Amino acid sequence: MLKLSGLDLSGQWPACLTPAILAQLYQLDLSGCNLSVLPPSVQHATSLRVLDLQGNKLERLPEWLQPASFAELTYFNVADNHLLDLPLALGYVPQLRYLNAQFNPKLPAHLTAQVESETRAPGALLRYLKNCAAGETQSQRRFRLMLLGEPNVGKSALVECLKTAPGWFTNHLNHNRARTQYPVMFTFEYTADRPAAAAWHVLITDPPGTVIADGFITFLDVN
């Protein structure tokens, strides 16, 4: 085991840690080393069982971190970084049993949802990545639709109709009346063909911390 936790390695990788030495390591602790990029020398540590990168400034994991090179990796900790994404390749690492990515506020919503569910379902993130790798699950792209208006005008009825509508909605609409903890809201005003009426206001909330991309909305005028 090599423990370098707390050392500032942002400037230069220790010259004494040659590829030959790294290749013999089973555990490598680089937590709190002020790393913004994982040093390329780590790719020689192909016998690793444990890799701890917690508490750094990593935004991305390197492309050379592949299952074929780190087939024995069982424990991988990337908590408390600035990761923008997690590579699907992690789902292919055959021996990986523990993956910690907590406290990465910039992760996309579909990964954040899995990270947040770890408290009640340990291993949820790793299972999700493995299912994605196996083609059994696709990345979640969800948004919540909140309809605002006067009481008893049919808002709940419309949502229930969407839940039971044939086709896309039956399989994909996830109805949840609970608000997101930190909702991102956009207001749309629809006044076409209704010049004398007040504008409709529709608030769309994406999962916490993200903005809806590549989406579209269809407005239905129900008389």
Protein backbone atom coordinates (compact mmCIF):
# COMPACT_ATOMS: atom_id res chain seq x y z
CA MET A 1 0.00 0.00 0.00
CA LEU A 2 1.21 3.51 -0.84
CA LYS A 3 -0.40 6.34 1.13
CA LEU A 4 0.28 9.84 -0.18
CA SER A 5 -2.82 11.40 1.36
CA GLY A 6 -2.50 15.09 2.11
CA LEU A 7 0.62 15.70 0.03
CA ASP A 8 0.41 18.46 -2.57
CA LEU A 9 1.11 16.63 -5.83
CA SER A 10 -0.27 19.34 -8.10
CA GLY A 11 3.20 20.42 -9.19
CA GLN A 12 5.23 17.31 -9.88
CA TRP A 13 4.82 13.56 -9.52
CA PRO A 14 7.51 12.00 -7.26
CA ALA A 15 10.33 10.70 -9.48
CA CYS A 16 10.90 7.74 -7.15
CA LEU A 17 7.50 6.30 -8.09
CA THR A 18 8.60 4.61 -11.28
CA PRO A 19 6.34 2.49 -13.50
CA ALA A 20 7.97 -0.65 -12.10
CA ILE A 21 7.09 0.32 -8.52
CA LEU A 22 3.58 1.40 -9.42
CA ALA A 23 2.92 -1.87 -11.20
CA GLN A 24 3.43 -3.74 -7.90
CA LEU A 25 0.96 -1.66 -5.88
CA TYR A 26 -2.34 -3.06 -4.68
CA GLN A 27 -3.56 0.06 -2.86
CA LEU A 28 -2.94 3.71 -3.73
CA ASP A 29 -4.22 6.58 -1.59
CA LEU A 30 -4.08 9.97 -3.33
CA SER A 31 -6.81 11.61 -1.29
CA GLY A 32 -6.43 15.32 -0.59
CA CYS A 33 -3.43 15.76 -2.90
CA ASN A 34 -4.71 18.90 -4.65
CA LEU A 35 -4.95 17.08 -7.98
CA SER A 36 -6.88 18.66 -10.85
CA VAL A 37 -5.73 15.93 -13.25
CA LEU A 38 -4.93 12.32 -12.40
CA PRO A 39 -1.17 11.91 -13.05
CA PRO A 40 -0.49 9.80 -16.16
CA SER A 41 1.99 7.69 -14.16
CA VAL A 42 -0.97 6.10 -12.33
CA GLN A 43 -1.86 4.20 -15.51
CA HIS A 44 1.08 1.90 -14.75
CA ALA A 45 -0.54 0.77 -11.47
CA THR A 46 -2.50 -1.96 -13.21
CA SER A 47 -2.56 -4.29 -10.20
CA LEU A 48 -4.54 -1.89 -8.03
CA ARG A 49 -7.37 -3.22 -5.90
CA VAL A 50 -7.96 0.09 -4.10
CA LEU A 51 -7.71 3.60 -5.57
CA ASP A 52 -8.66 6.55 -3.34
CA LEU A 53 -8.93 9.96 -5.03
CA GLN A 54 -11.21 11.63 -2.51
CA GLY A 55 -10.89 15.33 -1.78
CA ASN A 56 -9.14 16.55 -4.91
CA LYS A 57 -10.14 18.91 -7.73
CA LEU A 58 -10.73 16.41 -10.50
CA GLU A 59 -13.25 17.38 -13.18
CA ARG A 60 -12.79 14.38 -15.43
CA LEU A 61 -11.31 10.91 -15.20
CA PRO A 62 -8.68 10.04 -17.83
CA GLU A 63 -9.49 7.94 -20.88
CA TRP A 64 -6.76 5.47 -19.96
CA LEU A 65 -8.74 4.42 -16.88
CA GLN A 66 -10.17 1.38 -18.67
CA PRO A 67 -11.47 -2.00 -17.45
CA ALA A 68 -8.84 -3.93 -19.39
CA SER A 69 -6.03 -2.10 -17.59
CA PHE A 70 -7.56 -2.06 -14.10
CA ALA A 71 -9.37 -5.38 -14.11
CA GLU A 72 -8.58 -6.08 -10.42
CA LEU A 73 -9.93 -2.77 -9.07
CA THR A 74 -12.52 -3.41 -6.35
CA TYR A 75 -12.63 -0.09 -4.45
CA PHE A 76 -12.77 3.32 -6.16
CA ASN A 77 -13.35 6.53 -4.23
CA VAL A 78 -13.79 9.82 -6.13
CA ALA A 79 -15.90 11.61 -3.51
CA ASP A 80 -15.54 15.34 -2.89
CA ASN A 81 -14.18 16.38 -6.29
CA HIS A 82 -15.54 18.54 -9.12
CA LEU A 83 -16.43 15.73 -11.51
CA LEU A 84 -18.58 16.69 -14.49
CA ASP A 85 -19.36 13.09 -15.41
CA LEU A 86 -18.47 9.48 -14.71
CA PRO A 87 -17.32 7.27 -17.58
CA LEU A 88 -19.58 4.38 -18.48
CA ALA A 89 -16.41 2.27 -18.59
CA LEU A 90 -16.59 1.98 -14.80
CA GLY A 91 -19.59 -0.28 -15.30
CA TYR A 92 -17.38 -2.73 -17.18
CA VAL A 93 -14.71 -3.12 -14.44
CA PRO A 94 -15.36 -6.77 -13.53
CA GLN A 95 -14.21 -6.77 -9.89
CA LEU A 96 -15.46 -3.31 -8.87
CA ARG A 97 -17.62 -3.62 -5.76
CA TYR A 98 -17.44 -0.14 -4.19
CA LEU A 99 -17.81 3.21 -5.93
CA ASN A 100 -18.14 6.46 -3.97
CA ALA A 101 -18.88 9.66 -5.90
CA GLN A 102 -20.60 11.71 -3.19
CA PHE A 103 -20.09 15.46 -2.96
CA ASN A 104 -19.56 16.05 -6.67
CA PRO A 105 -22.10 18.84 -7.21
CA LYS A 106 -21.42 19.17 -10.94
CA LEU A 107 -22.43 15.63 -11.88
CA PRO A 108 -25.36 15.37 -14.33
CA ALA A 109 -28.80 14.82 -12.88
CA HIS A 110 -29.11 11.13 -13.75
CA LEU A 111 -25.91 10.35 -11.81
CA THR A 112 -26.76 12.72 -8.95
CA ALA A 113 -30.03 10.85 -8.45
CA GLN A 114 -28.14 7.58 -8.01
CA VAL A 115 -25.55 9.14 -5.68
CA GLU A 116 -28.28 10.61 -3.49
CA SER A 117 -30.06 7.26 -3.27
CA GLU A 118 -26.95 5.57 -1.83
CA THR A 119 -28.11 6.28 1.75
CA ARG A 120 -31.20 4.11 1.35
CA ALA A 121 -29.87 1.78 -1.35
CA PRO A 122 -26.11 1.22 -0.95
CA GLY A 123 -24.41 0.46 -4.25
CA ALA A 124 -27.10 2.18 -6.33
CA LEU A 125 -24.62 4.18 -8.42
CA LEU A 126 -22.45 1.19 -9.29
CA ARG A 127 -25.49 -0.95 -10.14
CA TYR A 128 -26.77 1.82 -12.38
CA LEU A 129 -23.49 2.07 -14.28
CA LYS A 130 -23.27 -1.70 -14.64
CA ASN A 131 -26.84 -1.84 -15.93
CA CYS A 132 -26.07 0.94 -18.42
CA ALA A 133 -22.97 -0.93 -19.56
CA ALA A 134 -25.02 -4.09 -20.02
CA GLY A 135 -27.67 -2.22 -22.01
CA GLU A 136 -30.34 -2.94 -19.40
CA THR A 137 -30.76 0.72 -18.40
CA GLN A 138 -30.48 3.97 -20.29
CA SER A 139 -29.39 7.32 -18.88
CA GLN A 140 -32.34 9.01 -17.22
CA ARG A 141 -33.57 12.24 -18.79
CA ARG A 142 -36.43 13.46 -16.63
CA PHE A 143 -38.16 16.70 -15.92
CA ARG A 144 -41.06 17.53 -13.67
CA LEU A 145 -44.00 19.48 -15.06
CA MET A 146 -45.89 21.71 -12.63
CA LEU A 147 -49.19 23.22 -13.78
CA LEU A 148 -50.27 26.41 -12.04
CA GLY A 149 -53.79 27.80 -12.11
CA GLU A 150 -57.01 28.30 -10.21
CA PRO A 151 -58.47 25.38 -8.20
CA ASN A 152 -60.72 22.86 -9.87
CA VAL A 153 -59.83 23.70 -13.46
CA GLY A 154 -58.54 20.23 -14.34
CA LYS A 155 -54.79 20.36 -13.64
CA SER A 156 -54.70 17.05 -11.76
CA ALA A 157 -57.04 15.43 -14.27
CA LEU A 158 -54.73 16.44 -17.12
CA VAL A 159 -51.71 14.91 -15.39
CA GLU A 160 -53.61 11.69 -14.70
CA CYS A 161 -54.63 11.53 -18.37
CA LEU A 162 -51.00 11.90 -19.41
CA LYS A 163 -50.08 9.04 -17.07
CA THR A 164 -52.53 6.68 -18.75
CA ALA A 165 -52.18 7.90 -22.33
CA PRO A 166 -51.00 5.25 -24.81
CA GLY A 167 -47.48 5.11 -26.16
CA TRP A 168 -44.61 7.26 -24.90
CA PHE A 169 -46.28 8.57 -21.75
CA THR A 170 -47.27 5.14 -20.48
CA ASN A 171 -43.66 3.98 -20.44
CA HIS A 172 -41.76 7.15 -19.65
CA LEU A 173 -43.81 9.76 -17.75
CA ASN A 174 -42.71 9.87 -14.12
CA HIS A 175 -45.36 11.74 -12.18
CA ASN A 176 -44.18 13.07 -8.85
CA ARG A 177 -45.99 15.90 -7.08
CA ALA A 178 -43.14 16.46 -4.62
CA ARG A 179 -40.98 19.47 -5.41
CA THR A 180 -37.32 19.12 -6.09
CA GLN A 181 -35.14 20.38 -3.28
CA TYR A 182 -33.51 23.05 -5.44
CA PRO A 183 -35.80 23.47 -8.45
CA VAL A 184 -34.68 25.18 -11.63
CA MET A 185 -37.72 26.94 -13.02
CA PHE A 186 -38.61 28.47 -16.37
CA THR A 187 -41.81 30.38 -17.07
CA PHE A 188 -43.54 30.21 -20.44
CA GLU A 189 -46.40 32.49 -21.37
CA TYR A 190 -48.84 31.18 -23.95
CA THR A 191 -51.17 33.82 -25.38
CA ALA A 192 -51.59 32.73 -29.02
CA ASP A 193 -55.26 32.40 -30.01
CA ARG A 194 -56.22 33.67 -26.55
CA PRO A 195 -55.68 37.44 -26.83
CA ALA A 196 -58.38 38.34 -24.34
CA ALA A 197 -57.38 35.77 -21.75
CA ALA A 198 -54.66 35.87 -19.17
CA ALA A 199 -51.43 34.13 -20.11
CA TRP A 200 -50.85 30.59 -19.00
CA HIS A 201 -47.83 30.11 -16.78
CA VAL A 202 -46.05 26.75 -16.88
CA LEU A 203 -43.14 26.01 -14.57
CA ILE A 204 -40.80 23.20 -15.54
CA THR A 205 -38.45 21.89 -12.89
CA ASP A 206 -35.43 19.82 -13.82
CA PRO A 207 -33.73 17.54 -11.27
CA PRO A 208 -31.65 19.61 -8.81
CA GLY A 209 -28.72 21.59 -10.13
CA THR A 210 -29.20 21.12 -13.86
CA VAL A 211 -30.85 22.88 -16.75
CA ILE A 212 -33.07 21.15 -19.27
CA ALA A 213 -31.34 20.66 -22.62
CA ASP A 214 -32.67 19.51 -25.97
CA GLY A 215 -36.24 19.44 -24.72
CA PHE A 216 -39.53 20.63 -26.16
CA ILE A 217 -42.97 21.40 -24.79
CA THR A 218 -46.37 21.05 -26.41
CA PHE A 219 -49.15 23.24 -25.09
CA LEU A 220 -52.66 21.82 -25.17
CA ASP A 221 -55.67 24.14 -25.16
CA VAL A 222 -58.34 22.10 -23.40
CA ASN A 223 -61.83 23.59 -23.61
